Protein backbone atom coordinates (compact mmCIF):
# COMPACT_ATOMS: atom_id res chain seq x y z
CA MET A 1 7.20 10.68 16.84
CA LYS A 2 5.79 11.95 13.52
CA LYS A 3 8.27 14.82 13.34
CA ILE A 4 11.22 12.49 13.99
CA LEU A 5 10.12 10.03 11.33
CA LEU A 6 9.37 12.69 8.72
CA SER A 7 12.75 14.37 9.12
CA SER A 8 14.60 11.04 8.89
CA LEU A 9 13.04 10.33 5.50
CA PHE A 10 14.79 13.28 3.85
CA ALA A 11 17.77 11.00 3.18
CA ILE A 12 15.56 8.55 1.30
CA THR A 13 14.41 11.29 -1.06
CA MET A 14 18.00 12.22 -1.76
CA LEU A 15 18.86 8.60 -2.48
CA VAL A 16 16.02 8.30 -4.95
CA SER A 17 16.84 11.49 -6.79
CA CYS A 18 20.65 11.18 -6.77
CA ASP A 19 21.65 7.51 -6.71
CA LYS A 20 22.13 6.34 -10.29
CA LYS A 21 23.62 2.90 -9.52
CA ASN A 22 20.21 1.24 -9.17
CA GLU A 23 19.01 2.00 -12.70
CA THR A 24 17.60 -1.10 -14.36
CA GLY A 25 17.45 -0.03 -17.98
CA THR A 26 13.66 -0.12 -18.03
CA THR A 27 12.31 1.59 -21.12
CA THR A 28 9.78 4.35 -20.52
CA ASN A 29 7.76 6.50 -22.87
CA ASP A 30 8.21 10.25 -23.17
CA SER A 31 5.49 10.99 -20.64
CA GLY A 32 7.14 8.82 -17.99
CA ALA A 33 4.00 6.71 -17.62
CA THR A 34 4.33 3.47 -15.73
CA PRO A 35 4.51 0.24 -17.74
CA LYS A 36 1.11 -1.14 -18.76
CA GLU A 37 2.06 -4.80 -18.32
CA THR A 38 0.52 -6.21 -15.18
CA VAL A 39 0.87 -9.32 -13.04
CA ALA A 40 -2.07 -11.71 -12.78
CA LYS A 41 -4.04 -11.51 -9.57
CA PRO A 42 -3.51 -14.37 -7.11
CA THR A 43 -6.12 -17.08 -6.77
CA PRO A 44 -8.28 -16.42 -3.67
CA PRO A 45 -8.08 -19.17 -1.05
CA LYS A 46 -11.17 -21.16 -0.19
CA ALA A 47 -11.92 -19.38 3.05
CA GLU A 48 -14.65 -20.70 5.32
CA GLY A 49 -15.93 -18.40 8.04
CA THR A 50 -13.63 -15.53 8.92
CA VAL A 51 -11.40 -14.16 6.16
CA ARG A 52 -8.10 -12.93 7.60
CA VAL A 53 -6.14 -10.17 5.90
CA LEU A 54 -2.61 -9.43 7.15
CA PHE A 55 -0.82 -6.13 6.51
CA VAL A 56 2.96 -6.17 6.91
CA GLY A 57 4.71 -2.83 6.46
CA ASN A 58 5.77 0.47 7.92
CA SER A 59 4.45 4.03 7.99
CA HIS A 60 3.22 3.74 4.39
CA THR A 61 0.74 1.18 5.69
CA GLU A 62 -0.33 3.19 8.73
CA PHE A 63 0.70 6.72 9.67
CA PHE A 64 -1.53 9.75 9.17
CA VAL A 65 -4.21 7.36 7.92
CA SER A 66 -4.46 3.57 8.24
CA TYR A 67 -5.02 1.09 5.41
CA PRO A 68 -5.86 -1.67 7.93
CA LYS A 69 -8.46 0.47 9.73
CA MET A 70 -9.94 1.65 6.43
CA LEU A 71 -10.28 -1.87 5.04
CA GLU A 72 -11.81 -3.05 8.32
CA ALA A 73 -14.43 -0.28 8.14
CA LEU A 74 -15.30 -0.99 4.51
CA CYS A 75 -15.68 -4.69 5.27
CA LYS A 76 -17.94 -3.98 8.23
CA GLU A 77 -20.17 -1.70 6.15
CA ASN A 78 -20.44 -4.34 3.42
CA GLY A 79 -21.14 -7.31 5.66
CA LYS A 80 -17.81 -9.07 5.11
CA ASN A 81 -16.68 -11.42 7.87
CA VAL A 82 -13.09 -10.18 7.92
CA GLU A 83 -10.41 -10.02 10.59
CA VAL A 84 -7.66 -7.52 9.83
CA LEU A 85 -4.23 -8.38 11.25
CA THR A 86 -1.16 -6.14 11.32
CA LEU A 87 2.60 -6.30 11.69
CA VAL A 88 3.64 -2.66 11.39
CA GLU A 89 6.81 -0.89 12.48
CA MET A 90 7.79 2.68 11.59
CA GLY A 91 10.57 3.39 9.12
CA VAL A 92 11.95 -0.12 8.52
CA GLY A 93 11.89 -2.96 5.99
CA ILE A 94 9.98 -6.22 6.18
CA ASP A 95 12.83 -8.10 7.86
CA GLU A 96 13.03 -5.51 10.62
CA VAL A 97 9.24 -5.43 10.98
CA LEU A 98 9.32 -9.17 11.67
CA SER A 99 12.27 -8.86 14.04
CA ALA A 100 10.65 -6.04 16.04
CA ASN A 101 7.39 -8.00 16.30
CA LYS A 102 8.85 -11.49 16.65
CA SER A 103 6.63 -12.77 19.46
CA LYS A 104 3.47 -11.49 17.82
CA ALA A 105 4.54 -12.83 14.42
CA ASP A 106 5.54 -16.25 15.75
CA LYS A 107 2.21 -16.63 17.53
CA MET A 108 0.27 -15.49 14.47
CA PHE A 109 2.07 -17.78 12.03
CA ALA A 110 1.61 -20.76 14.36
CA GLN A 111 -2.19 -20.45 14.26
CA THR A 112 -4.26 -22.87 12.15
CA ASP A 113 -7.78 -22.82 10.70
CA THR A 114 -10.14 -25.61 9.70
CA ASP A 115 -10.24 -24.36 6.09
CA GLY A 116 -6.48 -24.96 5.80
CA ASN A 117 -5.37 -21.32 5.85
CA TYR A 118 -5.18 -19.18 8.97
CA ILE A 119 -4.13 -16.14 6.90
CA ASP A 120 -6.08 -15.79 3.65
CA TYR A 121 -4.50 -12.63 2.24
CA VAL A 122 -1.28 -10.77 2.98
CA ILE A 123 -0.34 -7.28 1.78
CA MET A 124 3.46 -6.88 1.85
CA GLN A 125 4.77 -3.31 1.95
CA GLU A 126 8.54 -2.97 1.70
CA ALA A 127 10.53 0.06 2.82
CA THR A 128 11.09 2.65 0.09
CA ARG A 129 14.85 2.67 0.65
CA VAL A 130 14.99 -1.11 0.13
CA SER A 131 12.99 -0.98 -3.09
CA VAL A 132 15.14 1.88 -4.39
CA GLN A 133 18.58 0.56 -3.51
CA GLU A 134 18.28 -3.12 -2.60
CA ASP A 135 15.90 -4.95 -4.89
CA GLY A 136 17.65 -8.23 -4.02
CA LYS A 137 16.80 -7.65 -0.37
CA PHE A 138 13.25 -6.70 -1.38
CA SER A 139 12.92 -10.11 -3.00
CA SER A 140 14.51 -12.04 -0.13
CA ASN A 141 12.42 -10.20 2.50
CA THR A 142 9.14 -11.00 0.78
CA LYS A 143 10.19 -14.63 0.27
CA MET A 144 11.12 -14.95 3.94
CA LEU A 145 7.73 -13.55 4.99
CA HIS A 146 5.89 -15.78 2.53
CA ASP A 147 7.73 -18.88 3.75
CA LEU A 148 6.72 -18.12 7.34
CA ILE A 149 3.07 -17.65 6.42
CA VAL A 150 2.61 -20.72 4.19
CA LYS A 151 3.55 -23.14 6.99
CA ASN A 152 -0.04 -22.91 8.20
CA SER A 153 -1.57 -20.97 5.31
CA PRO A 154 -0.42 -22.77 2.13
CA GLY A 155 -3.13 -21.20 -0.01
CA VAL A 156 -2.49 -17.61 1.06
CA ALA A 157 -3.01 -14.99 -1.66
CA THR A 158 -0.18 -12.46 -1.60
CA TYR A 159 -0.33 -8.85 -2.77
CA VAL A 160 2.86 -6.82 -3.02
CA TYR A 161 2.26 -3.14 -2.35
CA GLN A 162 3.20 -1.02 -5.39
CA LEU A 163 5.42 1.69 -4.00
CA MET A 164 5.60 5.30 -5.15
CA THR A 165 8.82 7.29 -5.12
CA PRO A 166 8.96 10.08 -2.50
CA LEU A 167 9.22 12.71 -5.21
CA ASP A 168 6.84 15.24 -6.72
CA ILE A 169 5.01 13.68 -9.66
CA GLU A 170 5.79 16.65 -11.93
CA THR A 171 9.57 16.18 -11.66
CA SER A 172 11.78 14.47 -14.21
CA ASP A 173 13.23 12.30 -11.45
CA PHE A 174 9.77 10.90 -10.71
CA LYS A 175 9.33 10.05 -14.38
CA THR A 176 12.72 8.34 -14.37
CA TYR A 177 12.47 6.33 -11.18
CA GLN A 178 8.79 5.49 -10.82
CA PRO A 179 8.70 3.09 -13.81
CA GLN A 180 11.78 1.35 -12.41
CA ILE A 181 10.15 0.81 -9.02
CA VAL A 182 6.97 -0.44 -10.69
CA GLU A 183 9.05 -2.96 -12.62
CA ILE A 184 10.90 -4.11 -9.49
CA VAL A 185 7.64 -4.62 -7.58
CA LYS A 186 6.24 -6.59 -10.51
CA GLU A 187 9.29 -8.87 -10.62
CA VAL A 188 9.13 -9.45 -6.86
CA ALA A 189 5.47 -10.46 -7.12
CA LYS A 190 6.24 -12.79 -10.04
CA SER A 191 8.89 -14.54 -7.93
CA LEU A 192 6.36 -15.50 -5.24
CA PRO A 193 3.75 -18.29 -5.43
CA ASN A 194 0.15 -17.12 -5.88
CA ALA A 195 1.07 -13.44 -5.76
CA GLY A 196 0.14 -10.23 -7.52
CA VAL A 197 0.60 -6.47 -7.27
CA VAL A 198 -1.86 -4.09 -5.66
CA ASN A 199 -1.22 -1.13 -7.93
CA PHE A 200 -1.47 1.76 -5.49
CA ALA A 201 1.04 3.95 -7.35
CA ASP A 202 -0.74 3.59 -10.72
CA VAL A 203 -4.02 4.52 -9.05
CA LEU A 204 -2.55 7.62 -7.40
CA THR A 205 -0.96 8.64 -10.69
CA SER A 206 -4.42 8.60 -12.30
CA ALA A 207 -5.68 10.88 -9.54
CA TYR A 208 -2.74 13.24 -10.00
CA GLU A 209 -3.52 13.32 -13.72
CA GLY A 210 -7.00 14.65 -12.95
CA LYS A 211 -9.02 11.64 -14.05
CA GLU A 212 -12.78 11.91 -13.42
CA GLY A 213 -12.40 15.61 -12.67
CA TYR A 214 -10.37 15.07 -9.51
CA VAL A 215 -8.13 17.99 -8.46
CA SER A 216 -5.10 16.90 -6.43
CA LYS A 217 -4.17 20.29 -4.99
CA LYS A 218 -5.96 22.87 -2.88
CA ASP A 219 -4.35 26.24 -2.23
CA GLY A 220 -1.11 24.75 -3.55
CA ALA A 221 -1.13 21.83 -1.10
CA ASP A 222 -1.07 18.20 -2.23
CA LEU A 223 -4.27 16.41 -1.18
CA LEU A 224 -2.94 12.90 -1.83
CA ARG A 225 0.47 12.83 -0.18
CA PHE A 226 2.03 14.89 2.60
CA SER A 227 4.07 17.72 1.11
CA ASP A 228 7.48 16.87 2.52
CA SER A 229 10.16 14.28 1.81
CA SER A 230 8.08 11.45 3.30
CA LYS A 231 5.13 11.70 0.89
CA HIS A 232 2.95 9.73 3.30
CA ALA A 233 -0.57 9.06 2.07
CA LEU A 234 -3.29 11.43 3.23
CA ASN A 235 -7.04 10.88 3.51
CA ASP A 236 -7.76 11.14 -0.22
CA ALA A 237 -5.06 8.61 -1.13
CA VAL A 238 -5.97 6.02 1.48
CA PHE A 239 -9.68 6.36 0.71
CA LEU A 240 -8.98 5.84 -2.99
CA ASN A 241 -6.54 2.95 -2.66
CA SER A 242 -8.57 1.18 0.03
CA ILE A 243 -11.45 0.93 -2.41
CA VAL A 244 -9.07 -0.54 -4.98
CA LEU A 245 -7.72 -3.03 -2.43
CA TYR A 246 -11.25 -4.05 -1.44
CA GLN A 247 -12.05 -4.66 -5.11
CA TYR A 248 -8.94 -6.82 -5.49
CA LEU A 249 -9.83 -8.90 -2.46
CA PHE A 250 -13.57 -9.33 -3.02
CA GLY A 251 -14.14 -8.69 -6.73
CA GLU A 252 -16.70 -5.96 -6.17
CA THR A 253 -16.86 -2.25 -5.42
CA PRO A 254 -17.76 -1.55 -1.79
CA LYS A 255 -20.66 0.51 -0.58
CA ILE A 256 -19.15 3.60 1.03
CA PRO A 257 -20.42 4.35 4.55
CA GLN A 258 -21.17 7.86 5.72
CA GLN A 259 -18.20 7.75 8.08
CA LEU A 260 -14.74 6.21 7.80
CA PRO A 261 -11.57 6.32 9.96
CA LEU A 262 -9.75 9.36 8.62
CA SER A 263 -7.03 11.70 9.85
CA THR A 264 -7.92 14.94 11.59
CA GLY A 265 -4.67 16.47 10.32
CA THR A 266 -0.91 16.03 10.06
CA SER A 267 0.41 17.41 13.36
CA ASP A 268 1.56 15.34 16.34
CA SER A 269 -1.69 16.14 18.13
CA ASP A 270 -3.89 14.87 15.28
CA GLU A 271 -5.38 11.39 15.20
CA ILE A 272 -7.36 8.88 13.17
CA LYS A 273 -11.04 8.93 14.05
CA LEU A 274 -14.41 8.28 12.46
CA MET A 275 -15.57 11.29 10.47
CA ASP A 276 -17.95 12.02 7.63
CA VAL A 277 -16.40 11.06 4.31
CA SER A 278 -17.81 14.26 2.79
CA LYS A 279 -15.73 16.29 5.26
CA GLY A 280 -12.56 14.19 5.42
CA VAL A 281 -12.14 13.47 1.69
CA SER A 282 -11.99 16.27 -0.86
CA ASN A 283 -13.91 14.64 -3.73
CA PRO A 284 -15.12 11.14 -2.81
CA GLU A 285 -17.32 10.82 -5.91
CA ALA A 286 -14.42 11.39 -8.32
CA LEU A 287 -12.09 9.14 -6.32
CA LEU A 288 -14.67 6.35 -6.28
CA LYS A 289 -14.93 6.58 -10.08
CA ILE A 290 -11.13 6.41 -10.41
CA ALA A 291 -11.06 3.37 -8.13
CA THR A 292 -13.71 1.51 -10.10
CA SER A 293 -11.72 2.00 -13.29
CA PHE A 294 -9.09 -0.27 -11.70
CA LYS A 295 -11.57 -3.01 -10.80
C-alpha cells in the first residue's frame, strides 16, 4: 500500500512546481521565509472529564508515523485524560475522508457530552493537492466538517494543519509556494469560528534551518521528511510537531517518556511500535528546544 501511495503522489509534486495559475500574489522576502503574521489560537472549551481530540486527514496525519498515536502517548505520560479520535483515509481530501468513513463519522458527530461538547478539539488536515490548486474547496471542506461537529460540540476548538509543499526546502519553488500555502491555511482558519493554525510547516522549517544545533540530514538523507515526492513526515518531524501540538492544546510542554510510538523504517514491512526515543529520534534534545520556542 505504501509503494502505491508514494508513487501516486509524484503528480502532486509536479502540480506544485509547475502550476502557476494558483499564485495569490503573496509578498515574500528574499529568503522565502514564511509570513510572520499569525492567527490567534482558539479558545479552549470548558471540558469536564475526558478531553476528546479528533484528527481528520490523510497520510500526512498517519503514515510512517502517527500524530494521533504520538499525542495519545504524550497525554498518557503526562496524566491527561484524553481520548484521541480519528477519521483518516489515504490520499484524499476532507470531503472524501468523511464520505469514506460516513458511518463512523455520523455516529461520532451524533454523540453528546454533559459538558456540552463531545469533541473538544479537532485538527483538520486537508489534502496537499486541494490546498495547492483548490483553495475554495479547502475552505468549503473545512466549513462542512466544522458544521457537522458543532451540532453537538458548539464550543469545539479547531486547528487547521499548516501544510508543507512536497518540495525540497532548498529549492526556489519551495520558497515561492510555501508562503502562499501558509497564507491560504491562515485565511481558511480565519474563516472558521474559534479556529487557529497549528504551524507544523513553520516548525519544520526551523528544524531545517538548523535551529538549536539540529542537523536535518544524515549521510545525505532527510531526517524530517521521506526523500521522495510524498515528503511524508518521519520520526523526527512527528516527534517535534507533536510536542508543538501538545503545547497548543494544553499550554505547557510535555514530559517526554522514554518510549514513544515511532516508525521502524519506511518499507512496506515496517511498522509503528514503541521504541526508545533516543534510538528512534536523531536529536530529541534539540528538537524539544525547537518545539518550546513555538510555545
